[in-house]
Every structure is written in C-alpha cells, then in structure tokens.
Amino acid sequence: MGTVGTGVDQAAERGRLINVAYRLLGSLTEAEDAVQDAYARWYGLSRSRREEIFSPAPG
C-alpha cells in the first residue's frame, strides 16, 4: 500500500480515474469534470492530511 499521489504516474492515474468515472456516469465530459473536481479537492488538502490517506496498490 502506498500514499496516493506520491511516486505515481499522474497521467496514467488520471486516465484510470476517468475510465472509472465514465463507466459510472456514462458521459466523458462528466467523467472528466468529476476527476478534475477530485484532483482539486485532493490538492486542496494539507500535505499531512494527504499522507494520512492510503490507497491499495493496483493489482
């Protein structure tokens, strides 16, 4: 497990997130907007708060 946003290829991660959002929302535009909003919220958090949030490793 690793902390989200550290050492991750952000372009690849963004693509995966858009794919998931598209499957949920059915619209590429809405999926891109949802991912952009998530990134804005993520980077709005303090560094210490981001470090507290863990993500399972892809597999």
PDB file of N, CA and C in Angstrom:
ATOM      1  N   MET A   1       0.846  -1.178   0.000  1.00  0.00           N
ATOM      2  CA  MET A   1       0.000   0.000   0.000  1.00  0.00           C
ATOM      3  C   MET A   1       0.883   1.230   0.000  1.00  0.00           C
ATOM      4  N   GLY A   2       0.400   2.265  -0.658  1.00  0.00           N
ATOM      5  CA  GLY A   2       1.164   3.491  -0.700  1.00  0.00           C
ATOM      6  C   GLY A   2       0.256   4.690  -0.549  1.00  0.00           C
ATOM      7  N   THR A   3       0.843   5.804  -0.298  1.00  0.00           N
ATOM      8  CA  THR A   3       0.078   7.033  -0.173  1.00  0.00           C
ATOM      9  C   THR A   3      -0.290   7.530  -1.561  1.00  0.00           C
ATOM     10  N   VAL A   4      -1.524   7.879  -1.758  1.00  0.00           N
ATOM     11  CA  VAL A   4      -1.989   8.365  -3.051  1.00  0.00           C
ATOM     12  C   VAL A   4      -1.270   9.653  -3.406  1.00  0.00           C
ATOM     13  N   GLY A   5      -0.816   9.749  -4.652  1.00  0.00           N
ATOM     14  CA  GLY A   5      -0.203  10.978  -5.126  1.00  0.00           C
ATOM     15  C   GLY A   5       1.293  11.078  -4.896  1.00  0.00           C
ATOM     16  N   THR A   6       1.914  10.015  -4.413  1.00  0.00           N
ATOM     17  CA  THR A   6       3.356  10.059  -4.225  1.00  0.00           C
ATOM     18  C   THR A   6       3.987   8.988  -5.093  1.00  0.00           C
ATOM     19  N   GLY A   7       4.823   9.419  -6.034  1.00  0.00           N
ATOM     20  CA  GLY A   7       5.518   8.475  -6.891  1.00  0.00           C
ATOM     21  C   GLY A   7       4.633   7.785  -7.905  1.00  0.00           C
ATOM     22  N   VAL A   8       3.454   8.288  -8.112  1.00  0.00           N
ATOM     23  CA  VAL A   8       2.521   7.680  -9.050  1.00  0.00           C
ATOM     24  C   VAL A   8       2.554   8.473 -10.349  1.00  0.00           C
ATOM     25  N   ASP A   9       2.545   7.766 -11.471  1.00  0.00           N
ATOM     26  CA  ASP A   9       2.456   8.435 -12.764  1.00  0.00           C
ATOM     27  C   ASP A   9       1.074   9.089 -12.831  1.00  0.00           C
ATOM     28  N   GLN A  10       1.036  10.405 -12.637  1.00  0.00           N
ATOM     29  CA  GLN A  10      -0.248  11.098 -12.523  1.00  0.00           C
ATOM     30  C   GLN A  10      -1.075  11.034 -13.793  1.00  0.00           C
ATOM     31  N   ALA A  11      -0.447  11.043 -14.962  1.00  0.00           N
ATOM     32  CA  ALA A  11      -1.205  10.963 -16.214  1.00  0.00           C
ATOM     33  C   ALA A  11      -1.900   9.611 -16.328  1.00  0.00           C
ATOM     34  N   ALA A  12      -1.202   8.541 -15.973  1.00  0.00           N
ATOM     35  CA  ALA A  12      -1.799   7.201 -16.022  1.00  0.00           C
ATOM     36  C   ALA A  12      -2.908   7.072 -14.983  1.00  0.00           C
ATOM     37  N   GLU A  13      -2.657   7.598 -13.795  1.00  0.00           N
ATOM     38  CA  GLU A  13      -3.668   7.548 -12.732  1.00  0.00           C
ATOM     39  C   GLU A  13      -4.918   8.329 -13.138  1.00  0.00           C
ATOM     40  N   ARG A  14      -4.718   9.495 -13.724  1.00  0.00           N
ATOM     41  CA  ARG A  14      -5.850  10.307 -14.180  1.00  0.00           C
ATOM     42  C   ARG A  14      -6.662   9.546 -15.228  1.00  0.00           C
ATOM     43  N   GLY A  15      -5.983   8.880 -16.137  1.00  0.00           N
ATOM     44  CA  GLY A  15      -6.668   8.087 -17.162  1.00  0.00           C
ATOM     45  C   GLY A  15      -7.505   6.977 -16.555  1.00  0.00           C
ATOM     46  N   ARG A  16      -6.952   6.286 -15.561  1.00  0.00           N
ATOM     47  CA  ARG A  16      -7.712   5.216 -14.888  1.00  0.00           C
ATOM     48  C   ARG A  16      -8.937   5.785 -14.170  1.00  0.00           C
ATOM     49  N   LEU A  17      -8.746   6.931 -13.515  1.00  0.00           N
ATOM     50  CA  LEU A  17      -9.869   7.542 -12.810  1.00  0.00           C
ATOM     51  C   LEU A  17     -10.963   7.994 -13.777  1.00  0.00           C
ATOM     52  N   ILE A  18     -10.567   8.547 -14.915  1.00  0.00           N
ATOM     53  CA  ILE A  18     -11.558   8.959 -15.913  1.00  0.00           C
ATOM     54  C   ILE A  18     -12.310   7.739 -16.431  1.00  0.00           C
ATOM     55  N   ASN A  19     -11.604   6.634 -16.658  1.00  0.00           N
ATOM     56  CA  ASN A  19     -12.276   5.412 -17.115  1.00  0.00           C
ATOM     57  C   ASN A  19     -13.332   4.939 -16.118  1.00  0.00           C
ATOM     58  N   VAL A  20     -12.981   4.942 -14.840  1.00  0.00           N
ATOM     59  CA  VAL A  20     -13.939   4.525 -13.806  1.00  0.00           C
ATOM     60  C   VAL A  20     -15.124   5.489 -13.768  1.00  0.00           C
ATOM     61  N   ALA A  21     -14.837   6.777 -13.771  1.00  0.00           N
ATOM     62  CA  ALA A  21     -15.903   7.773 -13.720  1.00  0.00           C
ATOM     63  C   ALA A  21     -16.810   7.674 -14.948  1.00  0.00           C
ATOM     64  N   TYR A  22     -16.232   7.399 -16.107  1.00  0.00           N
ATOM     65  CA  TYR A  22     -17.032   7.255 -17.325  1.00  0.00           C
ATOM     66  C   TYR A  22     -17.984   6.073 -17.207  1.00  0.00           C
ATOM     67  N   ARG A  23     -17.485   4.967 -16.675  1.00  0.00           N
ATOM     68  CA  ARG A  23     -18.358   3.792 -16.505  1.00  0.00           C
ATOM     69  C   ARG A  23     -19.491   4.094 -15.529  1.00  0.00           C
ATOM     70  N   LEU A  24     -19.228   4.913 -14.539  1.00  0.00           N
ATOM     71  CA  LEU A  24     -20.267   5.259 -13.564  1.00  0.00           C
ATOM     72  C   LEU A  24     -21.249   6.294 -14.099  1.00  0.00           C
ATOM     73  N   LEU A  25     -20.738   7.275 -14.848  1.00  0.00           N
ATOM     74  CA  LEU A  25     -21.549   8.424 -15.249  1.00  0.00           C
ATOM     75  C   LEU A  25     -22.083   8.327 -16.680  1.00  0.00           C
ATOM     76  N   GLY A  26     -21.395   7.578 -17.547  1.00  0.00           N
ATOM     77  CA  GLY A  26     -21.861   7.410 -18.920  1.00  0.00           C
ATOM     78  C   GLY A  26     -21.588   8.590 -19.835  1.00  0.00           C
ATOM     79  N   SER A  27     -20.811   9.555 -19.383  1.00  0.00           N
ATOM     80  CA  SER A  27     -20.501  10.738 -20.179  1.00  0.00           C
ATOM     81  C   SER A  27     -19.038  11.086 -19.963  1.00  0.00           C
ATOM     82  N   LEU A  28     -18.295  11.218 -21.058  1.00  0.00           N
ATOM     83  CA  LEU A  28     -16.879  11.557 -20.936  1.00  0.00           C
ATOM     84  C   LEU A  28     -16.692  12.942 -20.324  1.00  0.00           C
ATOM     85  N   THR A  29     -17.518  13.885 -20.731  1.00  0.00           N
ATOM     86  CA  THR A  29     -17.406  15.244 -20.189  1.00  0.00           C
ATOM     87  C   THR A  29     -17.653  15.256 -18.685  1.00  0.00           C
ATOM     88  N   GLU A  30     -18.691  14.556 -18.239  1.00  0.00           N
ATOM     89  CA  GLU A  30     -18.977  14.492 -16.808  1.00  0.00           C
ATOM     90  C   GLU A  30     -17.880  13.752 -16.059  1.00  0.00           C
ATOM     91  N   ALA A  31     -17.333  12.712 -16.676  1.00  0.00           N
ATOM     92  CA  ALA A  31     -16.250  11.955 -16.046  1.00  0.00           C
ATOM     93  C   ALA A  31     -15.019  12.841 -15.856  1.00  0.00           C
ATOM     94  N   GLU A  32     -14.656  13.581 -16.892  1.00  0.00           N
ATOM     95  CA  GLU A  32     -13.506  14.478 -16.795  1.00  0.00           C
ATOM     96  C   GLU A  32     -13.730  15.548 -15.739  1.00  0.00           C
ATOM     97  N   ASP A  33     -14.945  16.090 -15.671  1.00  0.00           N
ATOM     98  CA  ASP A  33     -15.262  17.098 -14.657  1.00  0.00           C
ATOM     99  C   ASP A  33     -15.164  16.520 -13.251  1.00  0.00           C
ATOM    100  N   ALA A  34     -15.676  15.299 -13.069  1.00  0.00           N
ATOM    101  CA  ALA A  34     -15.638  14.664 -11.751  1.00  0.00           C
ATOM    102  C   ALA A  34     -14.202  14.430 -11.302  1.00  0.00           C
ATOM    103  N   VAL A  35     -13.351  13.970 -12.220  1.00  0.00           N
ATOM    104  CA  VAL A  35     -11.953  13.723 -11.877  1.00  0.00           C
ATOM    105  C   VAL A  35     -11.243  15.041 -11.581  1.00  0.00           C
ATOM    106  N   GLN A  36     -11.528  16.066 -12.358  1.00  0.00           N
ATOM    107  CA  GLN A  36     -10.917  17.376 -12.104  1.00  0.00           C
ATOM    108  C   GLN A  36     -11.326  17.896 -10.727  1.00  0.00           C
ATOM    109  N   ASP A  37     -12.592  17.737 -10.380  1.00  0.00           N
ATOM    110  CA  ASP A  37     -13.052  18.160  -9.050  1.00  0.00           C
ATOM    111  C   ASP A  37     -12.346  17.377  -7.947  1.00  0.00           C
ATOM    112  N   ALA A  38     -12.166  16.066  -8.166  1.00  0.00           N
ATOM    113  CA  ALA A  38     -11.480  15.240  -7.171  1.00  0.00           C
ATOM    114  C   ALA A  38     -10.029  15.684  -7.000  1.00  0.00           C
ATOM    115  N   TYR A  39      -9.352  15.965  -8.116  1.00  0.00           N
ATOM    116  CA  TYR A  39      -7.974  16.451  -8.031  1.00  0.00           C
ATOM    117  C   TYR A  39      -7.909  17.786  -7.300  1.00  0.00           C
ATOM    118  N   ALA A  40      -8.842  18.674  -7.575  1.00  0.00           N
ATOM    119  CA  ALA A  40      -8.846  19.974  -6.900  1.00  0.00           C
ATOM    120  C   ALA A  40      -9.026  19.801  -5.394  1.00  0.00           C
ATOM    121  N   ARG A  41      -9.929  18.901  -5.004  1.00  0.00           N
ATOM    122  CA  ARG A  41     -10.130  18.646  -3.577  1.00  0.00           C
ATOM    123  C   ARG A  41      -8.900  18.008  -2.953  1.00  0.00           C
ATOM    124  N   TRP A  42      -8.290  17.047  -3.676  1.00  0.00           N
ATOM    125  CA  TRP A  42      -7.101  16.352  -3.180  1.00  0.00           C
ATOM    126  C   TRP A  42      -5.969  17.335  -2.911  1.00  0.00           C
ATOM    127  N   TYR A  43      -5.674  18.179  -3.897  1.00  0.00           N
ATOM    128  CA  TYR A  43      -4.554  19.101  -3.745  1.00  0.00           C
ATOM    129  C   TYR A  43      -4.904  20.288  -2.857  1.00  0.00           C
ATOM    130  N   GLY A  44      -6.164  20.424  -2.483  1.00  0.00           N
ATOM    131  CA  GLY A  44      -6.570  21.429  -1.515  1.00  0.00           C
ATOM    132  C   GLY A  44      -6.323  20.988  -0.083  1.00  0.00           C
ATOM    133  N   LEU A  45      -6.090  19.685   0.109  1.00  0.00           N
ATOM    134  CA  LEU A  45      -5.795  19.165   1.441  1.00  0.00           C
ATOM    135  C   LEU A  45      -4.357  19.494   1.817  1.00  0.00           C
ATOM    136  N   SER A  46      -4.119  19.587   3.095  1.00  0.00           N
ATOM    137  CA  SER A  46      -2.738  19.785   3.554  1.00  0.00           C
ATOM    138  C   SER A  46      -1.934  18.521   3.253  1.00  0.00           C
ATOM    139  N   ARG A  47      -0.648  18.688   3.126  1.00  0.00           N
ATOM    140  CA  ARG A  47       0.221  17.540   2.839  1.00  0.00           C
ATOM    141  C   ARG A  47       0.082  16.466   3.916  1.00  0.00           C
ATOM    142  N   SER A  48       0.008  16.876   5.174  1.00  0.00           N
ATOM    143  CA  SER A  48      -0.105  15.890   6.261  1.00  0.00           C
ATOM    144  C   SER A  48      -1.420  15.116   6.161  1.00  0.00           C
ATOM    145  N   ARG A  49      -2.489  15.795   5.769  1.00  0.00           N
ATOM    146  CA  ARG A  49      -3.780  15.105   5.625  1.00  0.00           C
ATOM    147  C   ARG A  49      -3.734  14.116   4.452  1.00  0.00           C
ATOM    148  N   ARG A  50      -3.097  14.510   3.338  1.00  0.00           N
ATOM    149  CA  ARG A  50      -2.973  13.599   2.193  1.00  0.00           C
ATOM    150  C   ARG A  50      -2.160  12.368   2.577  1.00  0.00           C
ATOM    151  N   GLU A  51      -1.135  12.553   3.405  1.00  0.00           N
ATOM    152  CA  GLU A  51      -0.299  11.431   3.812  1.00  0.00           C
ATOM    153  C   GLU A  51      -1.036  10.449   4.718  1.00  0.00           C
ATOM    154  N   GLU A  52      -2.128  10.892   5.357  1.00  0.00           N
ATOM    155  CA  GLU A  52      -2.922  10.008   6.205  1.00  0.00           C
ATOM    156  C   GLU A  52      -3.828   9.093   5.389  1.00  0.00           C
ATOM    157  N   ILE A  53      -4.050   9.428   4.123  1.00  0.00           N
ATOM    158  CA  ILE A  53      -4.982   8.680   3.286  1.00  0.00           C
ATOM    159  C   ILE A  53      -4.197   7.648   2.484  1.00  0.00           C
ATOM    160  N   PHE A  54      -4.597   6.395   2.597  1.00  0.00           N
ATOM    161  CA  PHE A  54      -3.912   5.313   1.911  1.00  0.00           C
ATOM    162  C   PHE A  54      -4.768   4.765   0.791  1.00  0.00           C
ATOM    163  N   SER A  55      -4.110   4.215  -0.196  1.00  0.00           N
ATOM    164  CA  SER A  55      -4.774   3.598  -1.342  1.00  0.00           C
ATOM    165  C   SER A  55      -4.193   2.211  -1.521  1.00  0.00           C
ATOM    166  N   PRO A  56      -5.033   1.219  -1.805  1.00  0.00           N
ATOM    167  CA  PRO A  56      -4.485  -0.117  -2.055  1.00  0.00           C
ATOM    168  C   PRO A  56      -3.660  -0.108  -3.342  1.00  0.00           C
ATOM    169  N   ALA A  57      -2.645  -0.907  -3.357  1.00  0.00           N
ATOM    170  CA  ALA A  57      -1.800  -0.999  -4.550  1.00  0.00           C
ATOM    171  C   ALA A  57      -2.596  -1.628  -5.687  1.00  0.00           C
ATOM    172  N   PRO A  58      -2.356  -1.180  -6.921  1.00  0.00           N
ATOM    173  CA  PRO A  58      -3.066  -1.786  -8.042  1.00  0.00           C
ATOM    174  C   PRO A  58      -2.656  -3.236  -8.193  1.00  0.00           C
ATOM    175  N   GLY A  59      -3.574  -4.022  -8.655  1.00  0.00           N
ATOM    176  CA  GLY A  59      -3.180  -5.406  -8.804  1.00  0.00           C
ATOM    177  C   GLY A  59      -4.218  -6.188  -9.413  1.00  0.00           C
TER     178      GLY A  59
END
